[in-house]
Amino acid sequence: MEDIHFSNSGCGPLPGRQFPLRVAILSAQRDWGGGEEQAKLLVRGLAERGHDVILMAPRRSPLARIALPAGITRDPFSSCRPAAAWQIRSALRRFRPQVLYWNDPKAALLGTAASLGLKAVRVATKRTVFPLRSAILYRRFCDVVICASAAAIRVCQNAGLPPERLQLVHDGVSLERIKQANPLRGLPALRGLLPRAADSPNAVYLITVGKLTPSKGHSFLIEAFRSVAAERANAFLVIVGDGELRESLAARITDAGLADRVALAGFREDVPDLLAAADLFVFPSLAEGLGSSVIDAMLLGLPVVASNVGGIPEILAPPGMKSGEVLGWLVPPGDSSSLAAAMAAALDLPEERRSRLAAIGKNAAERHFAADRMVERTLSVFYQLLGPRKPQA
């Protein structure tokens, strides 16, 4: 869409801190994913800037148990929907927020029901490029929908949401977390996942990070890697993440004769270390709102091969790039042959060009996708909605 620009993200100037806000952030997800990572970064970023925040998440979810700075209100709720709505409403009445922030579609539905009649602005999020299931909910009960990519904005526009209610705020990545990455810790971990690689002095590690769900395209990656592995005895693949397809992917790996060349690493806390020690990041997603794992890889200097879908091109071709120039390889989604060819080309990249690409990619990621930038632009949306209102007494 010609009217979508990255220079100001649709939010106006960065606001700094105009006056303290009271913000309620609601997540309804019971597991951990990119959206929950964004909620964590937003909660911490708002608190660091002096705003009062309440975080509400399902009682047994990872988000409800994360470590948070002192002073942040945490109010977990029941997994039973009627009880959850009552608990959320009670917490909101006590906290009296000015901003209600729905972190996912389920949160938008649950939060809307729980907050009927309460005075606050309502902000929903759209991080995926899947069609909106409840467009009427966003049109009638949300003041603004924050979209993680221009691709997500187009999905909302196609669902009939007014353009003036859509704001572009790219997801952010914690630069501090990335700076702590250590390849000296990551390399032994990679070798531990792939014992055969420990016997290969020139082992090359390809890595991908994402939930094991159909939309992530892991089956196409395994097929593509079979071609790469046939030509390169020193190539190994690590798939980080967990999900519903774990057993079927394990069977596919075995059937392809790759049991000692591909590792299903599951959920890992040391992802930055693994990325820092790897040689190539591959992201074969079939549908993607943005792809924060791609940003992590760029920040750590990894070449990137990714599907040309959703918001991924916004990462690999950010503002300031020459027309047609990208910071990695973009391939058609679901095309194993193209994916294999791009992986081979990336592995053959001369060291000098690899270093130059890594430096440019890291710089672009730091400028456009830092967590602080995401927090500030989200705050800009909040202040824009509240206008000249004064803090609550």
Protein backbone atom coordinates (compact mmCIF):
# COMPACT_ATOMS: atom_id res chain seq x y z
CA MET A 1 0.00 0.00 0.00
CA GLU A 2 1.51 3.32 -1.02
CA ASP A 3 0.26 5.11 2.09
CA ILE A 4 2.26 2.95 4.51
CA HIS A 5 5.60 4.52 5.43
CA PHE A 6 8.33 3.38 7.79
CA SER A 7 9.91 6.73 8.52
CA ASN A 8 7.46 7.70 11.26
CA SER A 9 5.68 4.36 11.80
CA GLY A 10 2.38 6.21 11.60
CA CYS A 11 2.67 7.35 15.20
CA GLY A 12 4.03 10.88 14.98
CA PRO A 13 7.12 12.03 16.91
CA LEU A 14 8.50 9.99 19.77
CA PRO A 15 6.87 11.31 22.94
CA GLY A 16 9.41 10.76 25.67
CA ARG A 17 7.38 10.96 28.86
CA GLN A 18 4.58 13.51 28.73
CA PHE A 19 2.88 12.37 31.92
CA PRO A 20 2.74 9.04 33.78
CA LEU A 21 0.23 6.52 32.51
CA ARG A 22 -1.61 3.61 34.05
CA VAL A 23 -1.57 0.75 31.55
CA ALA A 24 -3.20 -2.66 31.80
CA ILE A 25 -1.63 -5.32 29.57
CA LEU A 26 -3.65 -8.48 29.02
CA SER A 27 -2.40 -11.70 27.43
CA ALA A 28 -4.62 -14.77 27.09
CA GLN A 29 -1.98 -17.15 25.69
CA ARG A 30 -1.03 -20.18 27.79
CA ASP A 31 2.31 -20.83 26.09
CA TRP A 32 5.28 -18.70 25.00
CA GLY A 33 5.79 -17.13 21.62
CA GLY A 34 6.83 -13.92 19.94
CA GLY A 35 3.77 -12.03 21.21
CA GLU A 36 4.56 -12.92 24.81
CA GLU A 37 8.15 -11.77 24.34
CA GLN A 38 6.81 -8.42 23.08
CA ALA A 39 4.50 -8.14 26.11
CA LYS A 40 7.45 -8.74 28.44
CA LEU A 41 9.53 -6.08 26.69
CA LEU A 42 6.65 -3.59 26.75
CA VAL A 43 5.89 -4.14 30.44
CA ARG A 44 9.52 -3.64 31.39
CA GLY A 45 9.96 -0.67 29.07
CA LEU A 46 6.91 1.13 30.42
CA ALA A 47 7.99 0.54 34.02
CA GLU A 48 11.50 1.82 33.30
CA ARG A 49 9.93 5.04 31.99
CA GLY A 50 7.96 5.60 35.19
CA HIS A 51 4.54 4.33 34.11
CA ASP A 52 2.29 2.16 36.29
CA VAL A 53 1.64 -1.24 34.70
CA ILE A 54 -0.50 -4.22 35.55
CA LEU A 55 0.24 -7.48 33.73
CA MET A 56 -2.60 -9.99 33.49
CA ALA A 57 -2.00 -13.47 32.08
CA PRO A 58 -3.28 -17.04 32.64
CA ARG A 59 -2.11 -18.33 36.00
CA ARG A 60 0.04 -21.20 34.70
CA SER A 61 1.38 -19.45 31.62
CA PRO A 62 5.11 -18.62 31.22
CA LEU A 63 4.24 -14.91 30.96
CA ALA A 64 2.57 -14.98 34.38
CA ARG A 65 5.78 -16.35 35.91
CA ILE A 66 8.48 -14.23 34.27
CA ALA A 67 10.81 -12.15 36.42
CA LEU A 68 9.72 -8.52 36.50
CA PRO A 69 11.17 -5.35 38.03
CA ALA A 70 9.82 -4.31 41.40
CA GLY A 71 6.71 -2.16 41.33
CA ILE A 72 4.90 -3.88 38.47
CA THR A 73 1.50 -5.26 39.44
CA ARG A 74 1.03 -8.87 38.41
CA ASP A 75 -2.51 -10.28 38.46
CA PRO A 76 -2.82 -13.82 37.01
CA PHE A 77 -6.29 -15.14 36.29
CA SER A 78 -8.05 -18.47 36.03
CA SER A 79 -8.08 -20.53 32.84
CA CYS A 80 -11.85 -20.85 33.18
CA ARG A 81 -13.32 -18.15 30.93
CA PRO A 82 -16.30 -17.00 33.10
CA ALA A 83 -14.07 -16.84 36.18
CA ALA A 84 -11.29 -15.18 34.19
CA ALA A 85 -13.57 -12.38 32.97
CA TRP A 86 -14.72 -11.67 36.52
CA GLN A 87 -11.16 -11.69 37.86
CA ILE A 88 -9.92 -9.40 35.09
CA ARG A 89 -12.77 -6.96 35.63
CA SER A 90 -12.10 -6.88 39.38
CA ALA A 91 -8.40 -6.20 38.77
CA LEU A 92 -9.19 -3.41 36.30
CA ARG A 93 -11.61 -1.75 38.69
CA ARG A 94 -8.92 -1.75 41.38
CA PHE A 95 -6.12 -0.58 39.10
CA ARG A 96 -8.14 2.03 37.16
CA PRO A 97 -6.03 2.07 33.97
CA GLN A 98 -6.14 4.78 31.35
CA VAL A 99 -5.04 2.34 28.64
CA LEU A 100 -6.26 -1.23 28.08
CA TYR A 101 -3.80 -3.14 25.90
CA TRP A 102 -4.92 -6.46 24.38
CA ASN A 103 -1.81 -8.47 23.49
CA ASP A 104 -3.48 -11.13 21.31
CA PRO A 105 -6.87 -11.92 19.72
CA LYS A 106 -8.09 -14.02 22.65
CA ALA A 107 -7.13 -11.20 25.00
CA ALA A 108 -9.12 -8.75 22.86
CA LEU A 109 -12.23 -10.89 23.17
CA LEU A 110 -11.82 -11.66 26.87
CA GLY A 111 -10.70 -8.13 27.77
CA THR A 112 -13.55 -6.49 25.89
CA ALA A 113 -16.11 -8.61 27.74
CA ALA A 114 -14.42 -7.93 31.08
CA SER A 115 -14.09 -4.17 30.60
CA LEU A 116 -17.51 -3.17 29.26
CA GLY A 117 -18.51 0.15 30.78
CA LEU A 118 -15.05 0.97 32.12
CA LYS A 119 -13.53 4.28 31.03
CA ALA A 120 -10.24 3.71 29.22
CA VAL A 121 -8.87 3.69 25.70
CA ARG A 122 -8.59 0.24 24.16
CA VAL A 123 -5.59 -0.83 22.09
CA ALA A 124 -5.46 -4.19 20.33
CA THR A 125 -2.54 -5.79 18.52
CA LYS A 126 -2.21 -7.64 15.22
CA ARG A 127 1.07 -9.50 14.84
CA THR A 128 0.12 -12.17 12.32
CA VAL A 129 -1.01 -12.08 8.71
CA PHE A 130 -3.84 -14.55 9.23
CA PRO A 131 -7.29 -13.11 8.46
CA LEU A 132 -9.14 -11.44 11.32
CA ARG A 133 -11.76 -13.77 12.75
CA SER A 134 -13.61 -11.09 14.70
CA ALA A 135 -13.29 -7.94 12.63
CA ILE A 136 -16.43 -6.49 14.21
CA LEU A 137 -14.78 -6.74 17.64
CA TYR A 138 -11.87 -4.58 16.48
CA ARG A 139 -14.11 -2.13 14.63
CA ARG A 140 -16.60 -1.55 17.44
CA PHE A 141 -14.61 -2.00 20.65
CA CYS A 142 -11.01 -0.99 19.91
CA ASP A 143 -9.81 2.58 19.51
CA VAL A 144 -6.62 1.54 17.73
CA VAL A 145 -5.05 -1.64 16.40
CA ILE A 146 -1.25 -1.72 16.60
CA CYS A 147 0.16 -3.79 13.74
CA ALA A 148 3.63 -5.35 13.82
CA SER A 149 4.17 -4.94 10.09
CA ALA A 150 2.78 -3.28 7.00
CA ALA A 151 1.64 -6.76 5.95
CA ALA A 152 -0.48 -6.98 9.11
CA ILE A 153 -1.95 -3.55 8.34
CA ARG A 154 -3.04 -4.77 4.93
CA VAL A 155 -4.80 -7.75 6.55
CA CYS A 156 -6.71 -5.37 8.81
CA GLN A 157 -7.60 -3.07 5.92
CA ASN A 158 -8.90 -6.05 3.96
CA ALA A 159 -11.13 -6.87 6.94
CA GLY A 160 -12.68 -3.43 6.74
CA LEU A 161 -10.92 -1.69 9.62
CA PRO A 162 -10.61 2.07 9.05
CA PRO A 163 -7.04 3.09 8.11
CA GLU A 164 -7.06 5.84 10.74
CA ARG A 165 -7.38 3.20 13.47
CA LEU A 166 -4.32 1.26 12.31
CA GLN A 167 -0.85 2.10 13.58
CA LEU A 168 2.43 0.51 12.50
CA VAL A 169 4.75 -0.38 15.36
CA HIS A 170 7.35 -2.98 14.49
CA ASP A 171 8.13 -5.60 17.11
CA GLY A 172 11.31 -4.98 19.07
CA VAL A 173 14.27 -7.02 20.23
CA SER A 174 16.17 -6.61 23.49
CA LEU A 175 19.64 -5.43 22.50
CA GLU A 176 20.91 -6.18 26.00
CA ARG A 177 19.81 -9.80 25.70
CA ILE A 178 21.57 -10.11 22.37
CA LYS A 179 24.75 -8.48 23.69
CA GLN A 180 24.98 -11.21 26.31
CA ALA A 181 25.10 -13.93 23.64
CA ASN A 182 28.28 -15.99 23.84
CA PRO A 183 29.42 -18.33 21.05
CA LEU A 184 31.83 -20.02 23.50
CA ARG A 185 28.74 -21.27 25.33
CA GLY A 186 26.73 -21.84 22.17
CA LEU A 187 29.18 -24.03 20.28
CA PRO A 188 29.39 -26.80 22.92
CA ALA A 189 25.60 -26.70 23.13
CA LEU A 190 25.28 -27.19 19.38
CA ARG A 191 27.76 -30.06 19.48
CA GLY A 192 25.82 -31.61 22.32
CA LEU A 193 22.68 -31.57 20.21
CA LEU A 194 24.48 -33.18 17.26
CA PRO A 195 27.13 -35.65 18.47
CA ARG A 196 28.21 -36.44 14.91
CA ALA A 197 29.09 -32.78 14.38
CA ALA A 198 31.59 -32.99 17.25
CA ASP A 199 33.65 -35.37 15.09
CA SER A 200 33.66 -32.89 12.19
CA PRO A 201 36.33 -30.21 12.70
CA ASN A 202 34.79 -28.01 10.00
CA ALA A 203 31.15 -28.47 11.00
CA VAL A 204 28.76 -25.84 9.64
CA TYR A 205 25.60 -25.18 11.63
CA LEU A 206 22.33 -24.00 10.14
CA ILE A 207 19.69 -22.96 12.65
CA THR A 208 16.04 -21.97 12.72
CA VAL A 209 13.89 -20.77 15.62
CA GLY A 210 10.11 -20.98 15.81
CA LYS A 211 7.12 -22.94 17.04
CA LEU A 212 6.67 -26.35 15.44
CA THR A 213 3.42 -25.49 13.70
CA PRO A 214 2.36 -25.89 10.05
CA SER A 215 2.72 -22.18 9.28
CA LYS A 216 6.45 -22.22 10.09
CA GLY A 217 7.30 -24.45 7.11
CA HIS A 218 9.69 -26.84 8.85
CA SER A 219 8.78 -29.74 6.57
CA PHE A 220 10.01 -27.74 3.56
CA LEU A 221 13.20 -26.89 5.43
CA ILE A 222 13.92 -30.56 6.15
CA GLU A 223 13.39 -31.43 2.49
CA ALA A 224 15.66 -28.55 1.41
CA PHE A 225 18.32 -29.51 3.90
CA ARG A 226 18.38 -33.06 2.57
CA SER A 227 19.70 -31.63 -0.71
CA VAL A 228 22.25 -29.47 1.10
CA ALA A 229 23.39 -32.35 3.32
CA ALA A 230 23.92 -34.59 0.30
CA GLU A 231 26.45 -32.10 -1.09
CA ARG A 232 28.03 -31.03 2.21
CA ALA A 233 29.03 -33.72 4.68
CA ASN A 234 29.91 -31.05 7.26
CA ALA A 235 26.48 -29.34 7.30
CA PHE A 236 24.14 -29.76 10.27
CA LEU A 237 20.73 -28.31 11.08
CA VAL A 238 19.32 -27.33 14.48
CA ILE A 239 15.58 -26.67 14.79
CA VAL A 240 14.82 -24.71 17.96
CA GLY A 241 11.24 -24.64 19.22
CA ASP A 242 8.44 -26.91 20.31
CA GLY A 243 4.89 -27.51 19.23
CA GLU A 244 2.27 -29.82 17.80
CA LEU A 245 4.37 -31.09 14.90
CA ARG A 246 7.34 -32.34 16.91
CA GLU A 247 6.58 -36.06 16.47
CA SER A 248 5.73 -35.80 12.77
CA LEU A 249 8.86 -33.74 12.07
CA ALA A 250 10.99 -36.26 13.96
CA ALA A 251 9.57 -39.02 11.77
CA ARG A 252 10.22 -36.97 8.63
CA ILE A 253 13.84 -36.42 9.68
CA THR A 254 14.33 -40.15 10.25
CA ASP A 255 12.68 -41.08 6.94
CA ALA A 256 15.00 -38.63 5.15
CA GLY A 257 18.04 -40.35 6.67
CA LEU A 258 18.99 -37.20 8.58
CA ALA A 259 18.67 -38.37 12.18
CA ASP A 260 22.35 -37.63 12.86
CA ARG A 261 22.38 -34.39 10.86
CA VAL A 262 19.25 -32.62 12.16
CA ALA A 263 18.40 -31.92 15.82
CA LEU A 264 15.00 -31.00 17.23
CA ALA A 265 16.25 -28.90 20.12
CA GLY A 266 12.88 -28.06 21.67
CA PHE A 267 12.33 -24.91 23.72
CA ARG A 268 15.65 -23.36 24.76
CA GLU A 269 16.62 -20.55 27.11
CA ASP A 270 20.02 -20.15 25.42
CA VAL A 271 18.82 -19.21 21.93
CA PRO A 272 21.14 -16.16 21.62
CA ASP A 273 24.15 -18.35 22.44
CA LEU A 274 23.12 -20.91 19.83
CA LEU A 275 22.62 -18.20 17.22
CA ALA A 276 25.98 -16.64 18.03
CA ALA A 277 27.71 -19.97 17.40
CA ALA A 278 25.80 -20.88 14.22
CA ASP A 279 26.79 -20.14 10.61
CA LEU A 280 23.45 -19.53 8.86
CA PHE A 281 19.92 -18.67 9.97
CA VAL A 282 17.04 -20.14 7.96
CA PHE A 283 13.41 -19.06 8.35
CA PRO A 284 11.08 -21.06 6.07
CA SER A 285 7.81 -19.63 7.39
CA LEU A 286 4.71 -19.82 5.18
CA ALA A 287 3.01 -16.88 6.92
CA GLU A 288 4.67 -14.36 9.23
CA GLY A 289 3.60 -11.09 10.79
CA LEU A 290 7.18 -9.88 11.14
CA GLY A 291 9.69 -12.50 12.35
CA SER A 292 11.62 -11.31 15.42
CA SER A 293 13.91 -14.36 15.23
CA VAL A 294 15.21 -12.97 11.95
CA ILE A 295 16.07 -9.74 13.76
CA ASP A 296 17.93 -11.70 16.47
CA ALA A 297 19.98 -13.44 13.80
CA MET A 298 20.85 -10.17 12.05
CA LEU A 299 21.93 -8.59 15.32
CA LEU A 300 24.31 -11.51 15.82
CA GLY A 301 25.81 -11.22 12.35
CA LEU A 302 24.24 -14.30 10.79
CA PRO A 303 23.41 -14.49 7.08
CA VAL A 304 19.67 -15.02 6.68
CA VAL A 305 17.68 -17.13 4.24
CA ALA A 306 13.95 -16.57 4.68
CA SER A 307 10.60 -16.86 2.96
CA ASN A 308 9.34 -13.84 1.07
CA VAL A 309 6.11 -13.58 3.07
CA GLY A 310 4.35 -11.20 5.46
CA GLY A 311 6.61 -8.74 7.23
CA ILE A 312 9.90 -10.57 6.58
CA PRO A 313 10.81 -8.34 3.60
CA GLU A 314 10.38 -5.34 5.90
CA ILE A 315 13.26 -6.70 7.98
CA LEU A 316 15.55 -7.72 5.15
CA ALA A 317 14.82 -4.59 3.08
CA PRO A 318 14.45 -1.80 5.70
CA PRO A 319 14.36 1.94 4.98
CA GLY A 320 17.50 3.29 3.36
CA MET A 321 18.23 0.19 1.27
CA LYS A 322 18.67 0.63 -2.46
CA SER A 323 15.83 -0.60 -4.64
CA GLY A 324 16.08 -4.36 -5.07
CA GLU A 325 18.78 -4.73 -2.39
CA VAL A 326 18.14 -6.96 0.63
CA LEU A 327 20.11 -8.07 3.67
CA GLY A 328 19.71 -11.76 2.96
CA TRP A 329 18.07 -14.27 0.64
CA LEU A 330 14.29 -14.16 0.12
CA VAL A 331 12.73 -17.28 -1.41
CA PRO A 332 9.17 -18.25 -2.35
CA PRO A 333 7.34 -19.88 0.59
CA GLY A 334 6.95 -23.65 0.41
CA ASP A 335 9.56 -24.01 -2.34
CA SER A 336 12.14 -26.53 -1.10
CA SER A 337 14.29 -26.29 -4.24
CA SER A 338 14.63 -22.50 -4.02
CA LEU A 339 15.26 -22.76 -0.29
CA ALA A 340 18.04 -25.31 -0.82
CA ALA A 341 19.66 -23.18 -3.54
CA ALA A 342 19.61 -20.08 -1.32
CA MET A 343 21.07 -22.02 1.62
CA ALA A 344 23.90 -23.27 -0.57
CA ALA A 345 24.57 -19.76 -1.90
CA ALA A 346 24.67 -18.35 1.62
CA LEU A 347 27.10 -21.05 2.78
CA ASP A 348 29.35 -20.27 -0.22
CA LEU A 349 29.40 -16.54 0.56
CA PRO A 350 33.00 -15.22 0.59
CA GLU A 351 34.12 -14.14 4.06
CA GLU A 352 34.65 -10.50 3.07
CA ARG A 353 31.13 -10.16 1.70
CA ARG A 354 29.72 -12.10 4.64
CA SER A 355 31.34 -9.66 7.08
CA ARG A 356 30.04 -6.65 5.15
CA LEU A 357 26.52 -8.08 5.01
CA ALA A 358 26.65 -8.87 8.74
CA ALA A 359 27.70 -5.32 9.63
CA ILE A 360 25.01 -3.70 7.49
CA GLY A 361 22.34 -6.06 8.79
CA LYS A 362 23.29 -5.52 12.42
CA ASN A 363 23.21 -1.75 11.99
CA ALA A 364 19.80 -1.86 10.29
CA ALA A 365 18.36 -4.12 12.99
CA GLU A 366 19.64 -1.88 15.78
CA ARG A 367 18.18 1.25 14.17
CA HIS A 368 14.76 -0.10 13.23
CA PHE A 369 13.93 -2.97 15.58
CA ALA A 370 15.31 -2.22 19.05
CA ALA A 371 12.93 -2.84 21.95
CA ASP A 372 13.27 0.78 23.13
CA ARG A 373 12.01 1.97 19.76
CA MET A 374 9.00 -0.35 20.01
CA VAL A 375 8.19 0.92 23.52
CA GLU A 376 8.49 4.57 22.54
CA ARG A 377 6.30 4.17 19.47
CA THR A 378 3.71 2.29 21.49
CA LEU A 379 3.73 5.10 24.02
CA SER A 380 3.23 7.54 21.17
CA VAL A 381 0.04 5.69 20.23
CA PHE A 382 -1.18 5.84 23.84
CA TYR A 383 -0.58 9.59 24.15
CA GLN A 384 -2.15 10.23 20.78
CA LEU A 385 -5.32 8.47 21.95
CA LEU A 386 -5.41 10.23 25.32
CA GLY A 387 -4.74 13.66 23.84
CA PRO A 388 -4.60 16.51 26.38
CA ARG A 389 -6.04 14.42 29.23
CA LYS A 390 -4.43 14.75 32.62
CA PRO A 391 -3.25 11.89 34.80
CA GLN A 392 -5.90 10.24 36.96
CA ALA A 393 -6.12 11.47 40.54
